[in-house]
Amino acid sequence: MNSLLYFAAKVDPSQVGIWEIGSENVIMGVLNAVYFAAGVTAVIVIIVSGIFYSISQGDAAKLKRAKDGILYSIVGLVVIMFAFVITNYVIGNF
């Protein structure tokens, strides 16, 4: 058993095809998944609000609700994009 541990300690993971995962890769993977989920959610809200807008039939309350949904989800998409750019810049430079 000791000889097996000795040989295992001498093996370089990159030589046998094992990926080395750094902490920045894990953080970027998690952040990208969160950004993707938030972006998909915002797009779905835009679509649903657009449907609400088209079926509001002139009702002022429904029309305002639909317009607010579209506006807030677009603002959310812009915030998500800025967060994506900022975190990629910060993690890429450090």
PDB file of N, CA and C in Angstrom:
ATOM      1  N   MET A   1       0.827  -1.193   0.000  1.00  0.00           N
ATOM      2  CA  MET A   1       0.000   0.000   0.000  1.00  0.00           C
ATOM      3  C   MET A   1       0.871   1.257   0.000  1.00  0.00           C
ATOM      4  N   ASN A   2       1.973   1.242   0.729  1.00  0.00           N
ATOM      5  CA  ASN A   2       2.860   2.404   0.776  1.00  0.00           C
ATOM      6  C   ASN A   2       3.469   2.705  -0.583  1.00  0.00           C
ATOM      7  N   SER A   3       3.803   1.663  -1.343  1.00  0.00           N
ATOM      8  CA  SER A   3       4.386   1.890  -2.670  1.00  0.00           C
ATOM      9  C   SER A   3       3.359   2.516  -3.614  1.00  0.00           C
ATOM     10  N   LEU A   4       2.092   2.153  -3.459  1.00  0.00           N
ATOM     11  CA  LEU A   4       1.038   2.738  -4.278  1.00  0.00           C
ATOM     12  C   LEU A   4       0.887   4.225  -3.973  1.00  0.00           C
ATOM     13  N   LEU A   5       0.945   4.590  -2.701  1.00  0.00           N
ATOM     14  CA  LEU A   5       0.872   5.996  -2.310  1.00  0.00           C
ATOM     15  C   LEU A   5       2.091   6.768  -2.800  1.00  0.00           C
ATOM     16  N   TYR A   6       3.239   6.105  -2.805  1.00  0.00           N
ATOM     17  CA  TYR A   6       4.461   6.744  -3.285  1.00  0.00           C
ATOM     18  C   TYR A   6       4.321   7.100  -4.762  1.00  0.00           C
ATOM     19  N   PHE A   7       3.845   6.149  -5.578  1.00  0.00           N
ATOM     20  CA  PHE A   7       3.688   6.412  -7.016  1.00  0.00           C
ATOM     21  C   PHE A   7       2.575   7.425  -7.288  1.00  0.00           C
ATOM     22  N   ALA A   8       1.535   7.401  -6.485  1.00  0.00           N
ATOM     23  CA  ALA A   8       0.447   8.356  -6.665  1.00  0.00           C
ATOM     24  C   ALA A   8       0.921   9.776  -6.372  1.00  0.00           C
ATOM     25  N   ALA A   9       1.817   9.934  -5.440  1.00  0.00           N
ATOM     26  CA  ALA A   9       2.338  11.254  -5.104  1.00  0.00           C
ATOM     27  C   ALA A   9       3.239  11.791  -6.217  1.00  0.00           C
ATOM     28  N   LYS A  10       3.831  10.920  -7.015  1.00  0.00           N
ATOM     29  CA  LYS A  10       4.748  11.339  -8.078  1.00  0.00           C
ATOM     30  C   LYS A  10       4.039  11.680  -9.391  1.00  0.00           C
ATOM     31  N   VAL A  11       2.748  11.375  -9.502  1.00  0.00           N
ATOM     32  CA  VAL A  11       2.020  11.593 -10.749  1.00  0.00           C
ATOM     33  C   VAL A  11       1.543  13.036 -10.814  1.00  0.00           C
ATOM     34  N   ASP A  12       1.818  13.678 -11.952  1.00  0.00           N
ATOM     35  CA  ASP A  12       1.327  15.030 -12.202  1.00  0.00           C
ATOM     36  C   ASP A  12      -0.060  14.926 -12.829  1.00  0.00           C
ATOM     37  N   PRO A  13      -1.095  15.546 -12.237  1.00  0.00           N
ATOM     38  CA  PRO A  13      -2.454  15.396 -12.758  1.00  0.00           C
ATOM     39  C   PRO A  13      -2.608  15.816 -14.214  1.00  0.00           C
ATOM     40  N   SER A  14      -1.863  16.819 -14.660  1.00  0.00           N
ATOM     41  CA  SER A  14      -1.997  17.275 -16.041  1.00  0.00           C
ATOM     42  C   SER A  14      -1.440  16.263 -17.035  1.00  0.00           C
ATOM     43  N   GLN A  15      -0.521  15.395 -16.596  1.00  0.00           N
ATOM     44  CA  GLN A  15       0.065  14.399 -17.484  1.00  0.00           C
ATOM     45  C   GLN A  15      -0.880  13.219 -17.736  1.00  0.00           C
ATOM     46  N   VAL A  16      -1.804  12.969 -16.833  1.00  0.00           N
ATOM     47  CA  VAL A  16      -2.713  11.835 -16.997  1.00  0.00           C
ATOM     48  C   VAL A  16      -4.114  12.282 -17.407  1.00  0.00           C
ATOM     49  N   GLY A  17      -4.295  13.556 -17.721  1.00  0.00           N
ATOM     50  CA  GLY A  17      -5.561  14.041 -18.241  1.00  0.00           C
ATOM     51  C   GLY A  17      -6.577  14.448 -17.192  1.00  0.00           C
ATOM     52  N   ILE A  18      -6.139  14.709 -15.982  1.00  0.00           N
ATOM     53  CA  ILE A  18      -7.054  15.160 -14.933  1.00  0.00           C
ATOM     54  C   ILE A  18      -7.017  16.682 -14.906  1.00  0.00           C
ATOM     55  N   TRP A  19      -8.197  17.286 -14.957  1.00  0.00           N
ATOM     56  CA  TRP A  19      -8.279  18.742 -14.950  1.00  0.00           C
ATOM     57  C   TRP A  19      -7.972  19.280 -13.571  1.00  0.00           C
ATOM     58  N   GLU A  20      -7.282  20.388 -13.558  1.00  0.00           N
ATOM     59  CA  GLU A  20      -7.066  21.096 -12.312  1.00  0.00           C
ATOM     60  C   GLU A  20      -8.056  22.251 -12.267  1.00  0.00           C
ATOM     61  N   ILE A  21      -8.873  22.258 -11.252  1.00  0.00           N
ATOM     62  CA  ILE A  21      -9.896  23.289 -11.135  1.00  0.00           C
ATOM     63  C   ILE A  21      -9.441  24.302 -10.102  1.00  0.00           C
ATOM     64  N   GLY A  22      -9.256  25.532 -10.562  1.00  0.00           N
ATOM     65  CA  GLY A  22      -8.877  26.613  -9.673  1.00  0.00           C
ATOM     66  C   GLY A  22     -10.106  27.276  -9.081  1.00  0.00           C
ATOM     67  N   SER A  23      -9.901  28.020  -8.026  1.00  0.00           N
ATOM     68  CA  SER A  23     -11.032  28.677  -7.372  1.00  0.00           C
ATOM     69  C   SER A  23     -11.692  29.705  -8.277  1.00  0.00           C
ATOM     70  N   GLU A  24     -10.903  30.371  -9.143  1.00  0.00           N
ATOM     71  CA  GLU A  24     -11.504  31.355 -10.040  1.00  0.00           C
ATOM     72  C   GLU A  24     -12.420  30.693 -11.067  1.00  0.00           C
ATOM     73  N   ASN A  25     -12.102  29.464 -11.471  1.00  0.00           N
ATOM     74  CA  ASN A  25     -12.977  28.754 -12.409  1.00  0.00           C
ATOM     75  C   ASN A  25     -14.297  28.373 -11.752  1.00  0.00           C
ATOM     76  N   VAL A  26     -14.242  27.979 -10.499  1.00  0.00           N
ATOM     77  CA  VAL A  26     -15.461  27.618  -9.781  1.00  0.00           C
ATOM     78  C   VAL A  26     -16.333  28.853  -9.576  1.00  0.00           C
ATOM     79  N   ILE A  27     -15.718  29.945  -9.163  1.00  0.00           N
ATOM     80  CA  ILE A  27     -16.470  31.183  -8.942  1.00  0.00           C
ATOM     81  C   ILE A  27     -17.099  31.661 -10.244  1.00  0.00           C
ATOM     82  N   MET A  28     -16.343  31.649 -11.328  1.00  0.00           N
ATOM     83  CA  MET A  28     -16.881  32.087 -12.613  1.00  0.00           C
ATOM     84  C   MET A  28     -17.998  31.170 -13.092  1.00  0.00           C
ATOM     85  N   GLY A  29     -17.869  29.878 -12.856  1.00  0.00           N
ATOM     86  CA  GLY A  29     -18.915  28.949 -13.248  1.00  0.00           C
ATOM     87  C   GLY A  29     -20.215  29.205 -12.513  1.00  0.00           C
ATOM     88  N   VAL A  30     -20.112  29.436 -11.216  1.00  0.00           N
ATOM     89  CA  VAL A  30     -21.310  29.720 -10.415  1.00  0.00           C
ATOM     90  C   VAL A  30     -21.924  31.052 -10.830  1.00  0.00           C
ATOM     91  N   LEU A  31     -21.090  32.072 -10.978  1.00  0.00           N
ATOM     92  CA  LEU A  31     -21.612  33.386 -11.372  1.00  0.00           C
ATOM     93  C   LEU A  31     -22.250  33.355 -12.760  1.00  0.00           C
ATOM     94  N   ASN A  32     -21.640  32.644 -13.694  1.00  0.00           N
ATOM     95  CA  ASN A  32     -22.218  32.555 -15.035  1.00  0.00           C
ATOM     96  C   ASN A  32     -23.562  31.835 -15.006  1.00  0.00           C
ATOM     97  N   ALA A  33     -23.689  30.809 -14.166  1.00  0.00           N
ATOM     98  CA  ALA A  33     -24.978  30.120 -14.042  1.00  0.00           C
ATOM     99  C   ALA A  33     -26.039  31.048 -13.453  1.00  0.00           C
ATOM    100  N   VAL A  34     -25.658  31.850 -12.467  1.00  0.00           N
ATOM    101  CA  VAL A  34     -26.601  32.792 -11.856  1.00  0.00           C
ATOM    102  C   VAL A  34     -26.997  33.872 -12.863  1.00  0.00           C
ATOM    103  N   TYR A  35     -26.025  34.394 -13.617  1.00  0.00           N
ATOM    104  CA  TYR A  35     -26.327  35.412 -14.616  1.00  0.00           C
ATOM    105  C   TYR A  35     -27.246  34.849 -15.700  1.00  0.00           C
ATOM    106  N   PHE A  36     -26.993  33.619 -16.113  1.00  0.00           N
ATOM    107  CA  PHE A  36     -27.829  32.995 -17.131  1.00  0.00           C
ATOM    108  C   PHE A  36     -29.264  32.834 -16.630  1.00  0.00           C
ATOM    109  N   ALA A  37     -29.409  32.334 -15.406  1.00  0.00           N
ATOM    110  CA  ALA A  37     -30.749  32.152 -14.844  1.00  0.00           C
ATOM    111  C   ALA A  37     -31.479  33.487 -14.696  1.00  0.00           C
ATOM    112  N   ALA A  38     -30.775  34.511 -14.248  1.00  0.00           N
ATOM    113  CA  ALA A  38     -31.394  35.825 -14.102  1.00  0.00           C
ATOM    114  C   ALA A  38     -31.778  36.405 -15.457  1.00  0.00           C
ATOM    115  N   GLY A  39     -30.947  36.220 -16.458  1.00  0.00           N
ATOM    116  CA  GLY A  39     -31.257  36.706 -17.797  1.00  0.00           C
ATOM    117  C   GLY A  39     -32.461  36.007 -18.403  1.00  0.00           C
ATOM    118  N   VAL A  40     -32.530  34.696 -18.231  1.00  0.00           N
ATOM    119  CA  VAL A  40     -33.681  33.946 -18.734  1.00  0.00           C
ATOM    120  C   VAL A  40     -34.956  34.395 -18.028  1.00  0.00           C
ATOM    121  N   THR A  41     -34.862  34.598 -16.719  1.00  0.00           N
ATOM    122  CA  THR A  41     -36.023  35.073 -15.969  1.00  0.00           C
ATOM    123  C   THR A  41     -36.477  36.439 -16.460  1.00  0.00           C
ATOM    124  N   ALA A  42     -35.546  37.338 -16.703  1.00  0.00           N
ATOM    125  CA  ALA A  42     -35.911  38.678 -17.185  1.00  0.00           C
ATOM    126  C   ALA A  42     -36.562  38.610 -18.561  1.00  0.00           C
ATOM    127  N   VAL A  43     -36.062  37.765 -19.432  1.00  0.00           N
ATOM    128  CA  VAL A  43     -36.656  37.629 -20.760  1.00  0.00           C
ATOM    129  C   VAL A  43     -38.070  37.050 -20.658  1.00  0.00           C
ATOM    130  N   ILE A  44     -38.257  36.085 -19.781  1.00  0.00           N
ATOM    131  CA  ILE A  44     -39.596  35.517 -19.581  1.00  0.00           C
ATOM    132  C   ILE A  44     -40.550  36.586 -19.055  1.00  0.00           C
ATOM    133  N   VAL A  45     -40.085  37.420 -18.137  1.00  0.00           N
ATOM    134  CA  VAL A  45     -40.929  38.497 -17.612  1.00  0.00           C
ATOM    135  C   VAL A  45     -41.282  39.486 -18.721  1.00  0.00           C
ATOM    136  N   ILE A  46     -40.348  39.780 -19.613  1.00  0.00           N
ATOM    137  CA  ILE A  46     -40.637  40.672 -20.740  1.00  0.00           C
ATOM    138  C   ILE A  46     -41.722  40.065 -21.629  1.00  0.00           C
ATOM    139  N   ILE A  47     -41.613  38.777 -21.913  1.00  0.00           N
ATOM    140  CA  ILE A  47     -42.612  38.118 -22.762  1.00  0.00           C
ATOM    141  C   ILE A  47     -43.981  38.119 -22.107  1.00  0.00           C
ATOM    142  N   VAL A  48     -44.029  37.759 -20.828  1.00  0.00           N
ATOM    143  CA  VAL A  48     -45.313  37.719 -20.112  1.00  0.00           C
ATOM    144  C   VAL A  48     -45.911  39.120 -20.009  1.00  0.00           C
ATOM    145  N   SER A  49     -45.086  40.109 -19.730  1.00  0.00           N
ATOM    146  CA  SER A  49     -45.585  41.490 -19.657  1.00  0.00           C
ATOM    147  C   SER A  49     -46.079  41.975 -21.010  1.00  0.00           C
ATOM    148  N   GLY A  50     -45.421  41.555 -22.067  1.00  0.00           N
ATOM    149  CA  GLY A  50     -45.891  41.897 -23.404  1.00  0.00           C
ATOM    150  C   GLY A  50     -47.251  41.283 -23.701  1.00  0.00           C
ATOM    151  N   ILE A  51     -47.449  40.058 -23.246  1.00  0.00           N
ATOM    152  CA  ILE A  51     -48.763  39.426 -23.408  1.00  0.00           C
ATOM    153  C   ILE A  51     -49.801  40.174 -22.588  1.00  0.00           C
ATOM    154  N   PHE A  52     -49.467  40.517 -21.352  1.00  0.00           N
ATOM    155  CA  PHE A  52     -50.395  41.290 -20.524  1.00  0.00           C
ATOM    156  C   PHE A  52     -50.715  42.640 -21.158  1.00  0.00           C
ATOM    157  N   TYR A  53     -49.713  43.258 -21.779  1.00  0.00           N
ATOM    158  CA  TYR A  53     -49.916  44.548 -22.433  1.00  0.00           C
ATOM    159  C   TYR A  53     -50.904  44.416 -23.594  1.00  0.00           C
ATOM    160  N   SER A  54     -50.744  43.336 -24.354  1.00  0.00           N
ATOM    161  CA  SER A  54     -51.603  43.171 -25.523  1.00  0.00           C
ATOM    162  C   SER A  54     -53.033  42.781 -25.161  1.00  0.00           C
ATOM    163  N   ILE A  55     -53.247  42.165 -23.989  1.00  0.00           N
ATOM    164  CA  ILE A  55     -54.610  41.774 -23.599  1.00  0.00           C
ATOM    165  C   ILE A  55     -55.212  42.706 -22.553  1.00  0.00           C
ATOM    166  N   SER A  56     -54.586  43.847 -22.319  1.00  0.00           N
ATOM    167  CA  SER A  56     -55.085  44.763 -21.287  1.00  0.00           C
ATOM    168  C   SER A  56     -56.394  45.437 -21.674  1.00  0.00           C
ATOM    169  N   GLN A  57     -56.700  45.519 -22.949  1.00  0.00           N
ATOM    170  CA  GLN A  57     -57.941  46.083 -23.474  1.00  0.00           C
ATOM    171  C   GLN A  57     -58.217  47.498 -22.959  1.00  0.00           C
ATOM    172  N   GLY A  58     -57.173  48.273 -22.827  1.00  0.00           N
ATOM    173  CA  GLY A  58     -57.340  49.672 -22.447  1.00  0.00           C
ATOM    174  C   GLY A  58     -57.505  49.921 -20.968  1.00  0.00           C
ATOM    175  N   ASP A  59     -57.517  48.873 -20.149  1.00  0.00           N
ATOM    176  CA  ASP A  59     -57.623  49.057 -18.701  1.00  0.00           C
ATOM    177  C   ASP A  59     -56.326  49.682 -18.196  1.00  0.00           C
ATOM    178  N   ALA A  60     -56.444  50.837 -17.559  1.00  0.00           N
ATOM    179  CA  ALA A  60     -55.264  51.605 -17.151  1.00  0.00           C
ATOM    180  C   ALA A  60     -54.409  50.853 -16.133  1.00  0.00           C
ATOM    181  N   ALA A  61     -55.021  50.146 -15.210  1.00  0.00           N
ATOM    182  CA  ALA A  61     -54.255  49.428 -14.178  1.00  0.00           C
ATOM    183  C   ALA A  61     -53.467  48.277 -14.797  1.00  0.00           C
ATOM    184  N   LYS A  62     -54.110  47.536 -15.694  1.00  0.00           N
ATOM    185  CA  LYS A  62     -53.415  46.424 -16.350  1.00  0.00           C
ATOM    186  C   LYS A  62     -52.318  46.934 -17.274  1.00  0.00           C
ATOM    187  N   LEU A  63     -52.585  48.033 -17.938  1.00  0.00           N
ATOM    188  CA  LEU A  63     -51.602  48.628 -18.833  1.00  0.00           C
ATOM    189  C   LEU A  63     -50.376  49.105 -18.058  1.00  0.00           C
ATOM    190  N   LYS A  64     -50.590  49.737 -16.921  1.00  0.00           N
ATOM    191  CA  LYS A  64     -49.478  50.199 -16.079  1.00  0.00           C
ATOM    192  C   LYS A  64     -48.667  49.028 -15.550  1.00  0.00           C
ATOM    193  N   ARG A  65     -49.354  47.971 -15.132  1.00  0.00           N
ATOM    194  CA  ARG A  65     -48.665  46.780 -14.625  1.00  0.00           C
ATOM    195  C   ARG A  65     -47.773  46.169 -15.706  1.00  0.00           C
ATOM    196  N   ALA A  66     -48.286  46.074 -16.912  1.00  0.00           N
ATOM    197  CA  ALA A  66     -47.512  45.496 -18.013  1.00  0.00           C
ATOM    198  C   ALA A  66     -46.320  46.378 -18.373  1.00  0.00           C
ATOM    199  N   LYS A  67     -46.535  47.690 -18.450  1.00  0.00           N
ATOM    200  CA  LYS A  67     -45.438  48.604 -18.771  1.00  0.00           C
ATOM    201  C   LYS A  67     -44.352  48.568 -17.696  1.00  0.00           C
ATOM    202  N   ASP A  68     -44.775  48.526 -16.429  1.00  0.00           N
ATOM    203  CA  ASP A  68     -43.797  48.453 -15.340  1.00  0.00           C
ATOM    204  C   ASP A  68     -43.002  47.148 -15.398  1.00  0.00           C
ATOM    205  N   GLY A  69     -43.673  46.055 -15.711  1.00  0.00           N
ATOM    206  CA  GLY A  69     -42.976  44.778 -15.826  1.00  0.00           C
ATOM    207  C   GLY A  69     -41.927  44.796 -16.909  1.00  0.00           C
ATOM    208  N   ILE A  70     -42.274  45.374 -18.052  1.00  0.00           N
ATOM    209  CA  ILE A  70     -41.311  45.474 -19.152  1.00  0.00           C
ATOM    210  C   ILE A  70     -40.148  46.381 -18.766  1.00  0.00           C
ATOM    211  N   LEU A  71     -40.466  47.529 -18.184  1.00  0.00           N
ATOM    212  CA  LEU A  71     -39.415  48.474 -17.796  1.00  0.00           C
ATOM    213  C   LEU A  71     -38.468  47.873 -16.762  1.00  0.00           C
ATOM    214  N   TYR A  72     -39.023  47.267 -15.719  1.00  0.00           N
ATOM    215  CA  TYR A  72     -38.183  46.716 -14.653  1.00  0.00           C
ATOM    216  C   TYR A  72     -37.345  45.534 -15.129  1.00  0.00           C
ATOM    217  N   SER A  73     -37.884  44.737 -16.011  1.00  0.00           N
ATOM    218  CA  SER A  73     -37.097  43.601 -16.493  1.00  0.00           C
ATOM    219  C   SER A  73     -35.980  44.067 -17.436  1.00  0.00           C
ATOM    220  N   ILE A  74     -36.209  45.126 -18.196  1.00  0.00           N
ATOM    221  CA  ILE A  74     -35.136  45.667 -19.035  1.00  0.00           C
ATOM    222  C   ILE A  74     -34.040  46.277 -18.160  1.00  0.00           C
ATOM    223  N   VAL A  75     -34.440  46.991 -17.124  1.00  0.00           N
ATOM    224  CA  VAL A  75     -33.447  47.531 -16.179  1.00  0.00           C
ATOM    225  C   VAL A  75     -32.677  46.376 -15.524  1.00  0.00           C
ATOM    226  N   GLY A  76     -33.367  45.314 -15.189  1.00  0.00           N
ATOM    227  CA  GLY A  76     -32.714  44.142 -14.612  1.00  0.00           C
ATOM    228  C   GLY A  76     -31.715  43.521 -15.565  1.00  0.00           C
ATOM    229  N   LEU A  77     -32.061  43.433 -16.838  1.00  0.00           N
ATOM    230  CA  LEU A  77     -31.122  42.898 -17.829  1.00  0.00           C
ATOM    231  C   LEU A  77     -29.870  43.765 -17.938  1.00  0.00           C
ATOM    232  N   VAL A  78     -30.048  45.072 -17.898  1.00  0.00           N
ATOM    233  CA  VAL A  78     -28.891  45.974 -17.964  1.00  0.00           C
ATOM    234  C   VAL A  78     -28.000  45.781 -16.739  1.00  0.00           C
ATOM    235  N   VAL A  79     -28.610  45.660 -15.572  1.00  0.00           N
ATOM    236  CA  VAL A  79     -27.833  45.435 -14.340  1.00  0.00           C
ATOM    237  C   VAL A  79     -27.099  44.103 -14.409  1.00  0.00           C
ATOM    238  N   ILE A  80     -27.751  43.073 -14.912  1.00  0.00           N
ATOM    239  CA  ILE A  80     -27.111  41.760 -15.050  1.00  0.00           C
ATOM    240  C   ILE A  80     -25.914  41.849 -15.990  1.00  0.00           C
ATOM    241  N   MET A  81     -26.075  42.564 -17.098  1.00  0.00           N
ATOM    242  CA  MET A  81     -24.959  42.690 -18.046  1.00  0.00           C
ATOM    243  C   MET A  81     -23.785  43.451 -17.431  1.00  0.00           C
ATOM    244  N   PHE A  82     -24.076  44.532 -16.711  1.00  0.00           N
ATOM    245  CA  PHE A  82     -22.994  45.271 -16.050  1.00  0.00           C
ATOM    246  C   PHE A  82     -22.312  44.408 -14.990  1.00  0.00           C
ATOM    247  N   ALA A  83     -23.083  43.656 -14.236  1.00  0.00           N
ATOM    248  CA  ALA A  83     -22.493  42.777 -13.221  1.00  0.00           C
ATOM    249  C   ALA A  83     -21.616  41.719 -13.871  1.00  0.00           C
ATOM    250  N   PHE A  84     -22.052  41.176 -14.996  1.00  0.00           N
ATOM    251  CA  PHE A  84     -21.266  40.181 -15.717  1.00  0.00           C
ATOM    252  C   PHE A  84     -19.931  40.766 -16.173  1.00  0.00           C
ATOM    253  N   VAL A  85     -19.982  41.944 -16.761  1.00  0.00           N
ATOM    254  CA  VAL A  85     -18.758  42.583 -17.254  1.00  0.00           C
ATOM    255  C   VAL A  85     -17.822  42.916 -16.103  1.00  0.00           C
ATOM    256  N   ILE A  86     -18.355  43.463 -15.021  1.00  0.00           N
ATOM    257  CA  ILE A  86     -17.515  43.861 -13.885  1.00  0.00           C
ATOM    258  C   ILE A  86     -16.871  42.649 -13.226  1.00  0.00           C
ATOM    259  N   THR A  87     -17.643  41.591 -12.989  1.00  0.00           N
ATOM    260  CA  THR A  87     -17.060  40.422 -12.324  1.00  0.00           C
ATOM    261  C   THR A  87     -16.046  39.722 -13.221  1.00  0.00           C
ATOM    262  N   ASN A  88     -16.298  39.655 -14.526  1.00  0.00           N
ATOM    263  CA  ASN A  88     -15.292  39.056 -15.407  1.00  0.00           C
ATOM    264  C   ASN A  88     -14.015  39.883 -15.446  1.00  0.00           C
ATOM    265  N   TYR A  89     -14.142  41.187 -15.393  1.00  0.00           N
ATOM    266  CA  TYR A  89     -12.966  42.047 -15.380  1.00  0.00           C
ATOM    267  C   TYR A  89     -12.181  41.879 -14.081  1.00  0.00           C
ATOM    268  N   VAL A  90     -12.890  41.888 -12.958  1.00  0.00           N
ATOM    269  CA  VAL A  90     -12.215  41.791 -11.668  1.00  0.00           C
ATOM    270  C   VAL A  90     -11.558  40.438 -11.482  1.00  0.00           C
ATOM    271  N   ILE A  91     -12.276  39.372 -11.781  1.00  0.00           N
ATOM    272  CA  ILE A  91     -11.686  38.036 -11.599  1.00  0.00           C
ATOM    273  C   ILE A  91     -10.588  37.784 -12.616  1.00  0.00           C
ATOM    274  N   GLY A  92     -10.732  38.323 -13.822  1.00  0.00           N
ATOM    275  CA  GLY A  92      -9.712  38.132 -14.847  1.00  0.00           C
ATOM    276  C   GLY A  92      -8.412  38.852 -14.523  1.00  0.00           C
ATOM    277  N   ASN A  93      -8.471  39.968 -13.809  1.00  0.00           N
ATOM    278  CA  ASN A  93      -7.272  40.725 -13.486  1.00  0.00           C
ATOM    279  C   ASN A  93      -6.612  40.308 -12.182  1.00  0.00           C
ATOM    280  N   PHE A  94      -7.307  39.572 -11.357  1.00  0.00           N
ATOM    281  CA  PHE A  94      -6.700  39.168 -10.090  1.00  0.00           C
ATOM    282  C   PHE A  94      -6.534  37.724 -10.101  1.00  0.00           C
TER     283      PHE A  94
END
